[in-house]
Protein backbone atom coordinates (compact mmCIF):
# COMPACT_ATOMS: atom_id res chain seq x y z
CA MET A 1 -59.08 -59.39 -3.63
CA ILE A 2 -58.42 -55.68 -4.23
CA THR A 3 -61.33 -53.71 -5.64
CA LEU A 4 -60.21 -50.56 -7.42
CA ALA A 5 -63.44 -48.78 -6.60
CA ASN A 6 -62.75 -49.22 -2.87
CA LEU A 7 -59.28 -47.71 -2.98
CA PRO A 8 -59.01 -44.23 -1.42
CA GLN A 9 -59.07 -41.39 -3.90
CA ASN A 10 -55.92 -39.35 -4.52
CA GLN A 11 -56.35 -36.30 -2.31
CA ILE A 12 -53.34 -34.44 -3.69
CA THR A 13 -54.23 -31.15 -5.39
CA THR A 14 -51.92 -30.05 -8.20
CA ILE A 15 -51.33 -26.54 -9.50
CA LYS A 16 -49.76 -26.47 -12.96
CA LEU A 17 -47.16 -23.78 -13.57
CA THR A 18 -45.87 -22.40 -16.86
CA ALA A 19 -43.37 -19.58 -16.48
CA VAL A 20 -42.63 -17.63 -19.66
CA ILE A 21 -39.22 -15.96 -19.45
CA ASP A 22 -39.51 -12.50 -20.98
CA THR A 23 -35.77 -11.72 -20.79
CA ALA A 24 -32.65 -13.86 -20.44
CA LEU A 25 -32.54 -16.23 -17.45
CA CYS A 26 -29.49 -16.59 -15.19
CA VAL A 27 -29.60 -19.44 -12.67
CA GLY A 28 -26.01 -20.34 -11.81
CA ALA A 29 -24.77 -23.91 -11.39
CA GLY A 30 -21.91 -25.11 -9.19
CA GLY A 31 -19.73 -26.95 -11.71
CA SER A 32 -18.20 -25.86 -14.98
CA ASP A 33 -20.28 -28.26 -17.11
CA GLY A 34 -17.83 -27.78 -19.97
CA SER A 35 -18.83 -24.14 -20.40
CA LEU A 36 -16.46 -21.20 -20.84
CA ALA A 37 -18.58 -19.20 -18.39
CA ASP A 38 -17.39 -18.51 -14.86
CA LYS A 39 -20.98 -19.11 -13.76
CA PRO A 40 -22.71 -21.63 -16.08
CA ILE A 41 -26.47 -21.99 -16.09
CA VAL A 42 -28.02 -24.90 -14.19
CA ARG A 43 -29.38 -27.87 -16.17
CA ASN A 44 -30.89 -31.26 -15.38
CA ALA A 45 -29.40 -34.64 -16.33
CA LYS A 46 -30.84 -34.31 -19.86
CA GLY A 47 -29.15 -30.96 -20.38
CA GLN A 48 -32.44 -29.03 -20.24
CA LEU A 49 -32.58 -25.62 -18.57
CA ILE A 50 -34.32 -25.62 -15.20
CA ILE A 51 -35.39 -23.27 -12.45
CA PRO A 52 -34.68 -25.29 -9.27
CA ALA A 53 -37.64 -26.11 -7.04
CA SER A 54 -35.73 -24.82 -4.00
CA GLN A 55 -35.45 -21.35 -5.54
CA LEU A 56 -39.11 -21.18 -6.50
CA LYS A 57 -40.25 -22.52 -3.12
CA GLY A 58 -38.10 -20.03 -1.22
CA ARG A 59 -39.38 -17.09 -3.22
CA LEU A 60 -42.96 -18.34 -2.91
CA ARG A 61 -42.63 -18.67 0.86
CA HIS A 62 -41.38 -15.09 1.08
CA GLU A 63 -44.38 -13.78 -0.87
CA CYS A 64 -46.83 -15.89 1.16
CA GLU A 65 -45.35 -14.49 4.38
CA LYS A 66 -45.88 -10.92 3.17
CA LEU A 67 -49.50 -11.54 2.15
CA ALA A 68 -50.36 -13.45 5.33
CA ARG A 69 -48.91 -10.71 7.56
CA GLY A 70 -50.83 -8.10 5.59
CA LEU A 71 -54.06 -10.02 6.16
CA GLY A 72 -53.49 -10.09 9.92
CA TRP A 73 -52.00 -13.54 10.55
CA GLU A 74 -49.23 -13.88 13.12
CA ILE A 75 -46.24 -15.19 11.16
CA PHE A 76 -43.17 -16.42 13.02
CA ASP A 77 -39.79 -15.15 11.87
CA SER A 78 -37.34 -17.30 9.93
CA PRO A 79 -34.69 -18.62 9.48
CA LYS A 80 -33.89 -19.09 13.20
CA ALA A 81 -35.41 -22.23 14.72
CA GLU A 82 -36.02 -20.41 18.02
CA THR A 83 -38.28 -17.83 16.37
CA LEU A 84 -40.00 -20.30 14.05
CA THR A 85 -41.21 -22.40 17.01
CA PRO A 86 -41.93 -19.87 19.81
CA LYS A 87 -43.20 -20.52 23.34
CA GLN A 88 -46.84 -20.13 24.37
CA GLU A 89 -46.37 -16.66 25.88
CA GLN A 90 -44.96 -15.43 22.55
CA VAL A 91 -48.05 -16.45 20.55
CA ASP A 92 -51.12 -14.28 20.04
CA SER A 93 -54.00 -15.80 22.03
CA ARG A 94 -56.19 -15.81 18.88
CA PHE A 95 -53.95 -18.44 17.30
CA LEU A 96 -53.08 -20.70 20.25
CA ASP A 97 -55.47 -23.46 19.17
CA GLU A 98 -55.06 -23.00 15.41
CA TYR A 99 -51.27 -23.08 15.59
CA GLN A 100 -51.09 -26.40 17.46
CA ILE A 101 -50.67 -29.51 15.29
CA GLN A 102 -51.56 -32.96 16.60
CA GLY A 103 -48.45 -35.09 16.98
CA TYR A 104 -46.02 -32.13 16.93
CA LYS A 105 -44.79 -30.09 19.86
CA GLY A 106 -44.92 -26.32 20.00
CA TYR A 107 -46.77 -23.77 17.88
CA HIS A 108 -46.60 -23.53 14.10
CA CYS A 109 -47.84 -20.49 12.18
CA LEU A 110 -49.82 -20.66 8.94
CA ILE A 111 -46.67 -20.38 6.79
CA SER A 112 -44.88 -23.10 8.76
CA GLN A 113 -47.91 -25.37 8.36
CA ILE A 114 -47.64 -24.96 4.58
CA PHE A 115 -43.88 -24.79 3.95
CA GLY A 116 -42.55 -26.58 7.04
CA ASN A 117 -40.07 -25.64 9.77
CA PRO A 118 -37.43 -27.49 11.83
CA VAL A 119 -40.20 -29.50 13.55
CA LEU A 120 -43.04 -29.70 11.02
CA PRO A 121 -42.63 -31.23 7.53
CA SER A 122 -43.70 -29.28 4.46
CA ARG A 123 -47.25 -29.88 3.26
CA ILE A 124 -46.46 -28.96 -0.34
CA VAL A 125 -44.10 -30.46 -2.93
CA VAL A 126 -42.64 -28.13 -5.56
CA ASP A 127 -41.24 -29.43 -8.86
CA ASP A 128 -38.33 -28.00 -10.78
CA LEU A 129 -39.54 -25.79 -13.62
CA ILE A 130 -38.11 -27.39 -16.76
CA CYS A 131 -37.71 -25.96 -20.25
CA PRO A 132 -38.59 -28.87 -22.59
CA LEU A 133 -36.14 -27.80 -25.33
CA GLU A 134 -33.07 -29.99 -25.79
CA ARG A 135 -29.60 -28.64 -25.12
CA ASP A 136 -28.66 -28.64 -28.81
CA ASP A 137 -31.65 -26.42 -29.59
CA LEU A 138 -30.42 -23.61 -27.33
CA PRO A 139 -27.15 -21.83 -28.14
CA GLU A 140 -24.72 -20.97 -25.35
CA VAL A 141 -25.05 -17.29 -24.45
CA LEU A 142 -22.28 -15.60 -22.45
CA ARG A 143 -22.94 -12.27 -20.74
CA PRO A 144 -19.92 -10.27 -19.47
CA GLY A 145 -19.92 -8.64 -16.07
CA VAL A 146 -17.52 -6.88 -13.75
CA THR A 147 -17.21 -6.64 -9.97
CA ILE A 148 -17.95 -3.17 -8.58
CA ASN A 149 -16.12 -1.77 -5.57
CA ARG A 150 -18.96 -0.67 -3.26
CA ARG A 151 -16.82 1.94 -1.52
CA ARG A 152 -15.28 3.62 -4.56
CA HIS A 153 -18.17 2.84 -6.96
CA THR A 154 -15.70 1.82 -9.65
CA ALA A 155 -14.88 -1.43 -11.41
CA GLU A 156 -12.38 -3.68 -9.65
CA ASP A 157 -9.16 -4.55 -11.48
CA ASN A 158 -8.97 -8.05 -12.98
CA LYS A 159 -12.56 -8.82 -12.00
CA LEU A 160 -14.15 -9.42 -15.41
CA TYR A 161 -16.37 -12.52 -15.44
CA PHE A 162 -18.86 -14.24 -17.76
CA LEU A 163 -22.35 -15.49 -16.93
CA GLU A 164 -24.15 -18.09 -19.01
CA THR A 165 -27.77 -17.20 -19.64
CA SER A 166 -30.63 -18.46 -21.74
CA PRO A 167 -31.16 -16.73 -25.10
CA ALA A 168 -32.79 -13.32 -24.60
CA ASN A 169 -36.35 -12.51 -25.74
CA ASN A 170 -37.11 -16.09 -26.82
CA GLN A 171 -40.20 -16.45 -24.60
CA LEU A 172 -38.93 -19.78 -23.27
CA GLU A 173 -41.50 -21.74 -21.28
CA PHE A 174 -40.56 -23.52 -18.04
CA ILE A 175 -43.13 -26.07 -16.91
CA GLY A 176 -43.68 -27.68 -13.49
CA HIS A 177 -46.22 -28.29 -10.73
CA ILE A 178 -46.93 -27.53 -7.09
CA HIS A 179 -48.52 -30.47 -5.25
CA LEU A 180 -50.70 -29.74 -2.20
CA LEU A 181 -50.74 -32.72 0.17
CA PRO A 182 -54.00 -33.84 1.83
CA ASP A 183 -53.18 -32.31 5.23
CA CYS A 184 -52.57 -28.80 3.86
CA PRO A 185 -54.35 -25.94 5.65
CA THR A 186 -57.47 -24.78 3.82
CA GLN A 187 -55.79 -21.42 3.14
CA THR A 188 -52.97 -23.00 1.12
CA LYS A 189 -54.38 -22.90 -2.40
CA PRO A 190 -55.73 -19.32 -2.45
CA LEU A 191 -52.62 -18.03 -0.67
CA ILE A 192 -50.25 -19.71 -3.14
CA LEU A 193 -52.23 -18.61 -6.20
CA ALA A 194 -52.27 -15.02 -4.97
CA SER A 195 -48.55 -15.09 -4.07
CA LEU A 196 -47.50 -16.49 -7.45
CA ARG A 197 -48.91 -13.37 -9.06
CA HIS A 198 -46.42 -11.32 -7.02
CA ILE A 199 -43.43 -13.20 -8.44
CA HIS A 200 -42.19 -11.35 -11.52
CA ALA A 201 -38.58 -12.55 -11.70
CA LEU A 202 -36.45 -15.54 -10.70
CA GLY A 203 -32.75 -16.34 -10.81
CA GLY A 204 -29.75 -14.06 -10.46
CA SER A 205 -29.03 -10.53 -11.67
CA LYS A 206 -32.71 -9.51 -11.54
CA SER A 207 -31.73 -5.88 -10.99
CA ALA A 208 -29.81 -6.07 -14.28
CA GLY A 209 -32.95 -7.17 -16.11
CA LEU A 210 -32.42 -10.94 -16.08
CA GLY A 211 -35.00 -13.57 -15.19
CA TRP A 212 -38.15 -11.48 -15.61
CA LEU A 213 -41.17 -13.66 -16.29
CA SER A 214 -44.92 -13.93 -16.63
CA TRP A 215 -47.20 -16.84 -15.71
CA LYS A 216 -49.13 -18.50 -18.54
CA ASP A 217 -52.65 -19.84 -17.89
CA LEU A 218 -52.20 -19.69 -14.12
CA GLN A 219 -55.24 -21.10 -12.34
CA THR A 220 -57.69 -18.50 -11.05
CA LEU A 221 -60.21 -18.98 -8.26
CA PRO A 222 -63.60 -17.30 -8.77
CA GLN A 223 -64.20 -14.21 -6.65
CA ASP A 224 -67.12 -15.89 -4.90
CA ASP A 225 -65.08 -18.99 -3.99
CA GLN A 226 -65.34 -19.57 -0.24
CA ALA A 227 -61.61 -20.37 -0.12
CA TRP A 228 -60.87 -16.64 -0.15
CA GLU A 229 -62.74 -16.19 3.15
CA THR A 230 -60.40 -18.65 4.87
CA LEU A 231 -57.53 -16.18 4.34
CA LEU A 232 -59.06 -13.83 6.92
CA PRO A 233 -57.96 -14.71 10.49
CA LYS A 234 -60.27 -14.66 13.47
CA PRO A 235 -61.03 -11.12 14.72
CA ASN A 236 -59.69 -9.93 18.06
């Protein structure tokens, strides 16, 4: 007989995300999707606007790398497999023990232990950020653009194109979660929460003012939380 009280507790920690898009969002899809745009916006099977998990995870990894390096951690370079899993003589002696993972060969820096590398699986799962509004509730918005010749700094002939974006200045909310698996390093949660606050835009054409966002009700750790101390590596 199975006793519910004896079942192991769910050790997965979840961080809820709500991104409020302050401008128009441009996340291009591969197919035409029946749109007149040369680069239609990506949607899920229900036709809802999404920010793909892969894009958010990649941007989050980049910000975590910057913060971890600034705090003094040795972070291995990506995206080459050879530099992500270096040899012993290439690793700072302070991290030789901490960067070894039982059951996996080689050395794996703090970022690799969180986000994964060619040898080590990721210890977090990132959801797509989904706008709950139905497709019929959001009008199609086409934004014209033109290809610029980088040498002459002029518009190319016959290079007019159209991007599909979300409606501008509608404060659309995109909702999702980041799930921290039980074997995450102890530094994962404070590092991710701090890095999220450095992400101010997602999608394409950010330099043109698209995709700028703010985080709504993002979880905050108290200043006296001991998790912050784990972000400091061992001294020399």
